[in-house]
């Protein structure tokens, strides 16, 4: 950043009324995404997957259950298992990390198996309790998976409230990129950032 004289301001809040935006020739917004919080009974008993990654000390106890089997959940579950936790993943679909590239999965799935991560596919989360998760199998059978900590990993949704407010005020010079525009993969976000940068006069 210093090489190209880019000023970086950390721990700085921006709103649509910030004077810096009015003075700017162009605005690029990349506020990312936040975890989805579905209306599941007891969801308040869970730690969201982003917090679990940033603050691993929130994974209390030995038994950790992840509700949701996307890539973020699988990565975090693997990390927890490698740190000695007994880990389970509950996924409603028939496989975990279903939309990920097969090359990545060819490495990920064996690693999960190597570290004894229990993968429960075809299970729908019904309720999150303080001591575990109540889930339902495809045949309607209900099961209880014991946990000391439950991690909510039901996907991400655009963190676009600020982006919409800024775009509404400065539409002609604002470009919204990355997950706050549409949740995707890191490669797409990087490409959007690159194209946004090279489009600047």
C-alpha atoms as a PDB file:
ATOM      1  CA  UNK A   1       0.000   0.000   0.000  1.00  0.00           C
ATOM      2  CA  UNK A   2       2.838   2.399   0.829  1.00  0.00           C
ATOM      3  CA  UNK A   3       4.372   1.751  -2.590  1.00  0.00           C
ATOM      4  CA  UNK A   4       1.266   3.170  -4.282  1.00  0.00           C
ATOM      5  CA  UNK A   5       0.569   5.856  -1.664  1.00  0.00           C
ATOM      6  CA  UNK A   6      -2.664   4.250  -0.518  1.00  0.00           C
ATOM      7  CA  UNK A   7      -3.896   5.644   2.800  1.00  0.00           C
ATOM      8  CA  UNK A   8      -5.378   2.941   5.034  1.00  0.00           C
ATOM      9  CA  UNK A   9      -7.602   3.981   7.928  1.00  0.00           C
ATOM     10  CA  UNK A  10      -8.329   1.160  10.377  1.00  0.00           C
ATOM     11  CA  UNK A  11     -10.994   1.196  13.100  1.00  0.00           C
ATOM     12  CA  UNK A  12     -12.833   3.963  11.250  1.00  0.00           C
ATOM     13  CA  UNK A  13     -16.620   4.005  10.877  1.00  0.00           C
ATOM     14  CA  UNK A  14     -18.147   5.311   7.671  1.00  0.00           C
ATOM     15  CA  UNK A  15     -21.773   6.307   7.112  1.00  0.00           C
ATOM     16  CA  UNK A  16     -23.560   7.711   4.087  1.00  0.00           C
ATOM     17  CA  UNK A  17     -23.115  11.161   5.668  1.00  0.00           C
ATOM     18  CA  UNK A  18     -19.328  10.924   6.065  1.00  0.00           C
ATOM     19  CA  UNK A  19     -17.703  13.976   4.390  1.00  0.00           C
ATOM     20  CA  UNK A  20     -15.008  11.758   2.833  1.00  0.00           C
ATOM     21  CA  UNK A  21     -17.643  10.254   0.549  1.00  0.00           C
ATOM     22  CA  UNK A  22     -18.872  13.603  -0.675  1.00  0.00           C
ATOM     23  CA  UNK A  23     -15.315  14.633  -1.549  1.00  0.00           C
ATOM     24  CA  UNK A  24     -14.480  11.353  -3.304  1.00  0.00           C
ATOM     25  CA  UNK A  25     -14.405  11.001  -7.090  1.00  0.00           C
ATOM     26  CA  UNK A  26     -15.340   7.316  -6.843  1.00  0.00           C
ATOM     27  CA  UNK A  27     -16.587   5.033  -4.091  1.00  0.00           C
ATOM     28  CA  UNK A  28     -16.031   1.273  -4.003  1.00  0.00           C
ATOM     29  CA  UNK A  29     -17.958  -0.577  -1.309  1.00  0.00           C
ATOM     30  CA  UNK A  30     -16.910  -4.043  -0.147  1.00  0.00           C
ATOM     31  CA  UNK A  31     -18.564  -4.587   3.229  1.00  0.00           C
ATOM     32  CA  UNK A  32     -18.741  -8.347   2.821  1.00  0.00           C
ATOM     33  CA  UNK A  33     -21.324 -10.711   4.273  1.00  0.00           C
ATOM     34  CA  UNK A  34     -22.639 -11.776   7.653  1.00  0.00           C
ATOM     35  CA  UNK A  35     -23.824 -15.181   8.884  1.00  0.00           C
ATOM     36  CA  UNK A  36     -27.449 -16.135   8.251  1.00  0.00           C
ATOM     37  CA  UNK A  37     -29.463 -16.536  11.446  1.00  0.00           C
ATOM     38  CA  UNK A  38     -32.444 -18.759  10.586  1.00  0.00           C
ATOM     39  CA  UNK A  39     -35.558 -18.878  12.748  1.00  0.00           C
ATOM     40  CA  UNK A  40     -34.671 -22.121  14.461  1.00  0.00           C
ATOM     41  CA  UNK A  41     -35.688 -22.687  18.059  1.00  0.00           C
ATOM     42  CA  UNK A  42     -32.702 -22.113  20.330  1.00  0.00           C
ATOM     43  CA  UNK A  43     -30.523 -20.407  17.701  1.00  0.00           C
ATOM     44  CA  UNK A  44     -29.383 -18.035  20.457  1.00  0.00           C
ATOM     45  CA  UNK A  45     -27.560 -20.992  22.011  1.00  0.00           C
ATOM     46  CA  UNK A  46     -25.201 -21.254  19.023  1.00  0.00           C
ATOM     47  CA  UNK A  47     -21.957 -19.504  18.146  1.00  0.00           C
ATOM     48  CA  UNK A  48     -21.877 -18.275  14.541  1.00  0.00           C
ATOM     49  CA  UNK A  49     -19.180 -19.765  12.324  1.00  0.00           C
ATOM     50  CA  UNK A  50     -17.363 -16.461  11.763  1.00  0.00           C
ATOM     51  CA  UNK A  51     -17.028 -15.879  15.509  1.00  0.00           C
ATOM     52  CA  UNK A  52     -15.925 -19.494  15.946  1.00  0.00           C
ATOM     53  CA  UNK A  53     -13.117 -18.900  13.449  1.00  0.00           C
ATOM     54  CA  UNK A  54     -11.995 -15.518  14.809  1.00  0.00           C
ATOM     55  CA  UNK A  55     -12.417 -16.450  18.478  1.00  0.00           C
ATOM     56  CA  UNK A  56     -11.673 -20.181  18.852  1.00  0.00           C
ATOM     57  CA  UNK A  57     -11.902 -19.786  22.621  1.00  0.00           C
ATOM     58  CA  UNK A  58     -15.690 -19.675  22.130  1.00  0.00           C
ATOM     59  CA  UNK A  59     -15.585 -23.380  21.229  1.00  0.00           C
ATOM     60  CA  UNK A  60     -15.941 -24.497  24.823  1.00  0.00           C
ATOM     61  CA  UNK A  61     -15.830 -28.119  25.905  1.00  0.00           C
ATOM     62  CA  UNK A  62     -14.760 -31.190  23.964  1.00  0.00           C
ATOM     63  CA  UNK A  63     -17.834 -31.875  21.793  1.00  0.00           C
ATOM     64  CA  UNK A  64     -18.463 -29.374  18.994  1.00  0.00           C
ATOM     65  CA  UNK A  65     -21.393 -29.669  16.583  1.00  0.00           C
ATOM     66  CA  UNK A  66     -21.629 -27.620  13.380  1.00  0.00           C
ATOM     67  CA  UNK A  67     -25.099 -26.957  11.992  1.00  0.00           C
ATOM     68  CA  UNK A  68     -24.528 -26.635   8.263  1.00  0.00           C
ATOM     69  CA  UNK A  69     -21.995 -28.308   6.022  1.00  0.00           C
ATOM     70  CA  UNK A  70     -20.719 -25.624   3.672  1.00  0.00           C
ATOM     71  CA  UNK A  71     -17.047 -24.910   3.113  1.00  0.00           C
ATOM     72  CA  UNK A  72     -16.755 -22.504   6.056  1.00  0.00           C
ATOM     73  CA  UNK A  73     -18.262 -25.067   8.398  1.00  0.00           C
ATOM     74  CA  UNK A  74     -16.036 -27.842   7.077  1.00  0.00           C
ATOM     75  CA  UNK A  75     -12.892 -25.717   7.375  1.00  0.00           C
ATOM     76  CA  UNK A  76     -13.723 -24.638  10.916  1.00  0.00           C
ATOM     77  CA  UNK A  77     -14.749 -28.165  11.898  1.00  0.00           C
ATOM     78  CA  UNK A  78     -11.465 -29.540  10.603  1.00  0.00           C
ATOM     79  CA  UNK A  79      -9.506 -26.927  12.515  1.00  0.00           C
ATOM     80  CA  UNK A  80     -11.403 -27.742  15.716  1.00  0.00           C
ATOM     81  CA  UNK A  81     -10.822 -31.468  15.223  1.00  0.00           C
ATOM     82  CA  UNK A  82      -7.119 -30.896  14.623  1.00  0.00           C
ATOM     83  CA  UNK A  83      -7.065 -29.051  17.948  1.00  0.00           C
ATOM     84  CA  UNK A  84      -8.334 -32.142  19.718  1.00  0.00           C
ATOM     85  CA  UNK A  85     -12.092 -31.533  19.722  1.00  0.00           C
ATOM     86  CA  UNK A  86     -14.658 -34.239  19.002  1.00  0.00           C
ATOM     87  CA  UNK A  87     -16.538 -32.726  16.063  1.00  0.00           C
ATOM     88  CA  UNK A  88     -19.743 -33.459  14.154  1.00  0.00           C
ATOM     89  CA  UNK A  89     -21.267 -31.727  11.119  1.00  0.00           C
ATOM     90  CA  UNK A  90     -25.035 -31.771  10.531  1.00  0.00           C
ATOM     91  CA  UNK A  91     -26.030 -31.137   6.902  1.00  0.00           C
ATOM     92  CA  UNK A  92     -29.523 -31.242   5.385  1.00  0.00           C
ATOM     93  CA  UNK A  93     -28.236 -32.112   1.894  1.00  0.00           C
ATOM     94  CA  UNK A  94     -26.728 -35.434   0.848  1.00  0.00           C
ATOM     95  CA  UNK A  95     -23.129 -34.229   1.009  1.00  0.00           C
ATOM     96  CA  UNK A  96     -21.052 -31.503   2.626  1.00  0.00           C
ATOM     97  CA  UNK A  97     -19.337 -28.696   0.706  1.00  0.00           C
ATOM     98  CA  UNK A  98     -21.645 -29.589  -2.160  1.00  0.00           C
ATOM     99  CA  UNK A  99     -20.827 -26.614  -4.401  1.00  0.00           C
ATOM    100  CA  UNK A 100     -17.080 -26.678  -3.919  1.00  0.00           C
ATOM    101  CA  UNK A 101     -14.579 -27.622  -6.622  1.00  0.00           C
ATOM    102  CA  UNK A 102     -13.856 -31.328  -6.699  1.00  0.00           C
ATOM    103  CA  UNK A 103     -10.114 -30.754  -6.305  1.00  0.00           C
ATOM    104  CA  UNK A 104     -10.694 -28.947  -3.022  1.00  0.00           C
ATOM    105  CA  UNK A 105     -13.093 -31.626  -1.831  1.00  0.00           C
ATOM    106  CA  UNK A 106     -10.644 -34.358  -2.785  1.00  0.00           C
ATOM    107  CA  UNK A 107      -8.359 -32.937  -0.105  1.00  0.00           C
ATOM    108  CA  UNK A 108     -10.951 -31.721   2.396  1.00  0.00           C
ATOM    109  CA  UNK A 109     -13.099 -34.835   2.831  1.00  0.00           C
ATOM    110  CA  UNK A 110     -10.192 -37.223   3.546  1.00  0.00           C
ATOM    111  CA  UNK A 111      -8.830 -34.721   6.065  1.00  0.00           C
ATOM    112  CA  UNK A 112     -12.196 -34.600   7.849  1.00  0.00           C
ATOM    113  CA  UNK A 113     -12.247 -38.390   7.924  1.00  0.00           C
ATOM    114  CA  UNK A 114      -8.654 -38.599   9.122  1.00  0.00           C
ATOM    115  CA  UNK A 115      -9.490 -36.395  12.094  1.00  0.00           C
ATOM    116  CA  UNK A 116     -12.674 -38.341  12.889  1.00  0.00           C
ATOM    117  CA  UNK A 117     -15.159 -35.583  12.081  1.00  0.00           C
ATOM    118  CA  UNK A 118     -18.609 -37.194  12.117  1.00  0.00           C
ATOM    119  CA  UNK A 119     -20.596 -36.131   9.040  1.00  0.00           C
ATOM    120  CA  UNK A 120     -24.377 -36.436   9.372  1.00  0.00           C
ATOM    121  CA  UNK A 121     -25.911 -35.693   5.972  1.00  0.00           C
ATOM    122  CA  UNK A 122     -29.626 -35.790   5.280  1.00  0.00           C
ATOM    123  CA  UNK A 123     -30.334 -34.297   8.713  1.00  0.00           C
ATOM    124  CA  UNK A 124     -32.480 -31.201   9.276  1.00  0.00           C
ATOM    125  CA  UNK A 125     -31.796 -29.138  12.391  1.00  0.00           C
ATOM    126  CA  UNK A 126     -34.986 -28.757  14.432  1.00  0.00           C
ATOM    127  CA  UNK A 127     -33.753 -27.202  17.649  1.00  0.00           C
ATOM    128  CA  UNK A 128     -30.501 -26.050  19.202  1.00  0.00           C
ATOM    129  CA  UNK A 129     -30.259 -26.701  22.912  1.00  0.00           C
ATOM    130  CA  UNK A 130     -27.632 -25.824  25.493  1.00  0.00           C
ATOM    131  CA  UNK A 131     -26.373 -29.414  25.463  1.00  0.00           C
ATOM    132  CA  UNK A 132     -26.818 -30.385  21.819  1.00  0.00           C
ATOM    133  CA  UNK A 133     -28.931 -30.410  18.688  1.00  0.00           C
ATOM    134  CA  UNK A 134     -32.238 -32.058  17.875  1.00  0.00           C
ATOM    135  CA  UNK A 135     -32.351 -33.068  14.209  1.00  0.00           C
ATOM    136  CA  UNK A 136     -34.623 -34.979  11.869  1.00  0.00           C
ATOM    137  CA  UNK A 137     -33.525 -37.601   9.354  1.00  0.00           C
ATOM    138  CA  UNK A 138     -35.132 -37.989   5.945  1.00  0.00           C
ATOM    139  CA  UNK A 139     -37.366 -40.790   7.186  1.00  0.00           C
ATOM    140  CA  UNK A 140     -38.784 -38.532   9.894  1.00  0.00           C
ATOM    141  CA  UNK A 141     -36.784 -40.090  12.703  1.00  0.00           C
ATOM    142  CA  UNK A 142     -35.587 -37.566  15.254  1.00  0.00           C
ATOM    143  CA  UNK A 143     -32.123 -37.797  16.765  1.00  0.00           C
ATOM    144  CA  UNK A 144     -30.193 -35.851  19.392  1.00  0.00           C
ATOM    145  CA  UNK A 145     -26.525 -34.995  18.894  1.00  0.00           C
ATOM    146  CA  UNK A 146     -24.813 -34.056  22.131  1.00  0.00           C
ATOM    147  CA  UNK A 147     -22.615 -30.958  22.155  1.00  0.00           C
ATOM    148  CA  UNK A 148     -20.789 -28.690  24.541  1.00  0.00           C
ATOM    149  CA  UNK A 149     -20.778 -25.956  21.867  1.00  0.00           C
ATOM    150  CA  UNK A 150     -23.021 -25.647  18.817  1.00  0.00           C
ATOM    151  CA  UNK A 151     -21.835 -23.626  15.821  1.00  0.00           C
ATOM    152  CA  UNK A 152     -24.363 -22.027  13.479  1.00  0.00           C
ATOM    153  CA  UNK A 153     -23.102 -22.330   9.901  1.00  0.00           C
ATOM    154  CA  UNK A 154     -26.212 -21.921   7.769  1.00  0.00           C
ATOM    155  CA  UNK A 155     -24.545 -19.760   5.143  1.00  0.00           C
ATOM    156  CA  UNK A 156     -23.934 -16.062   4.604  1.00  0.00           C
ATOM    157  CA  UNK A 157     -26.038 -13.115   3.499  1.00  0.00           C
ATOM    158  CA  UNK A 158     -24.861  -9.773   2.042  1.00  0.00           C
ATOM    159  CA  UNK A 159     -23.921  -7.122   4.598  1.00  0.00           C
ATOM    160  CA  UNK A 160     -25.471  -4.490   2.366  1.00  0.00           C
ATOM    161  CA  UNK A 161     -27.302  -2.019   4.591  1.00  0.00           C
ATOM    162  CA  UNK A 162     -24.534   0.578   4.459  1.00  0.00           C
ATOM    163  CA  UNK A 163     -23.864  -0.162   0.789  1.00  0.00           C
ATOM    164  CA  UNK A 164     -27.480   0.569  -0.117  1.00  0.00           C
ATOM    165  CA  UNK A 165     -27.490   3.803   1.859  1.00  0.00           C
ATOM    166  CA  UNK A 166     -24.284   5.070   0.242  1.00  0.00           C
ATOM    167  CA  UNK A 167     -25.370   3.971  -3.227  1.00  0.00           C
ATOM    168  CA  UNK A 168     -28.697   5.763  -2.812  1.00  0.00           C
ATOM    169  CA  UNK A 169     -26.918   9.010  -1.979  1.00  0.00           C
ATOM    170  CA  UNK A 170     -23.976   8.752  -4.407  1.00  0.00           C
ATOM    171  CA  UNK A 171     -25.283   6.400  -7.068  1.00  0.00           C
ATOM    172  CA  UNK A 172     -23.360   7.868 -10.008  1.00  0.00           C
ATOM    173  CA  UNK A 173     -19.955   7.342  -8.417  1.00  0.00           C
ATOM    174  CA  UNK A 174     -20.555   4.220  -6.308  1.00  0.00           C
ATOM    175  CA  UNK A 175     -19.669   0.642  -7.147  1.00  0.00           C
ATOM    176  CA  UNK A 176     -20.701  -2.230  -4.857  1.00  0.00           C
ATOM    177  CA  UNK A 177     -18.514  -5.325  -5.107  1.00  0.00           C
ATOM    178  CA  UNK A 178     -17.910  -8.684  -3.477  1.00  0.00           C
ATOM    179  CA  UNK A 179     -20.155 -10.450  -1.006  1.00  0.00           C
ATOM    180  CA  UNK A 180     -22.089  -7.319  -0.056  1.00  0.00           C
ATOM    181  CA  UNK A 181     -23.330  -7.358  -3.655  1.00  0.00           C
ATOM    182  CA  UNK A 182     -23.767 -11.120  -4.034  1.00  0.00           C
ATOM    183  CA  UNK A 183     -22.354 -13.821  -1.789  1.00  0.00           C
ATOM    184  CA  UNK A 184     -19.855 -15.869  -3.736  1.00  0.00           C
ATOM    185  CA  UNK A 185     -16.351 -17.244  -3.554  1.00  0.00           C
ATOM    186  CA  UNK A 186     -13.111 -15.440  -2.847  1.00  0.00           C
ATOM    187  CA  UNK A 187     -11.955 -15.622  -6.472  1.00  0.00           C
ATOM    188  CA  UNK A 188     -15.019 -13.730  -7.643  1.00  0.00           C
ATOM    189  CA  UNK A 189     -14.571 -11.059  -5.002  1.00  0.00           C
ATOM    190  CA  UNK A 190     -10.925 -10.569  -5.982  1.00  0.00           C
ATOM    191  CA  UNK A 191     -11.843 -10.258  -9.659  1.00  0.00           C
ATOM    192  CA  UNK A 192     -14.546  -7.694  -8.874  1.00  0.00           C
ATOM    193  CA  UNK A 193     -12.064  -5.694  -6.818  1.00  0.00           C
ATOM    194  CA  UNK A 194      -9.504  -5.837  -9.624  1.00  0.00           C
ATOM    195  CA  UNK A 195     -11.956  -4.692 -12.292  1.00  0.00           C
ATOM    196  CA  UNK A 196     -13.297  -1.950 -10.034  1.00  0.00           C
ATOM    197  CA  UNK A 197      -9.774  -0.658  -9.431  1.00  0.00           C
ATOM    198  CA  UNK A 198      -8.658  -0.663 -13.067  1.00  0.00           C
ATOM    199  CA  UNK A 199     -11.876   1.120 -14.092  1.00  0.00           C
ATOM    200  CA  UNK A 200     -10.846   4.204 -12.095  1.00  0.00           C
ATOM    201  CA  UNK A 201      -9.649   7.127 -14.166  1.00  0.00           C
END
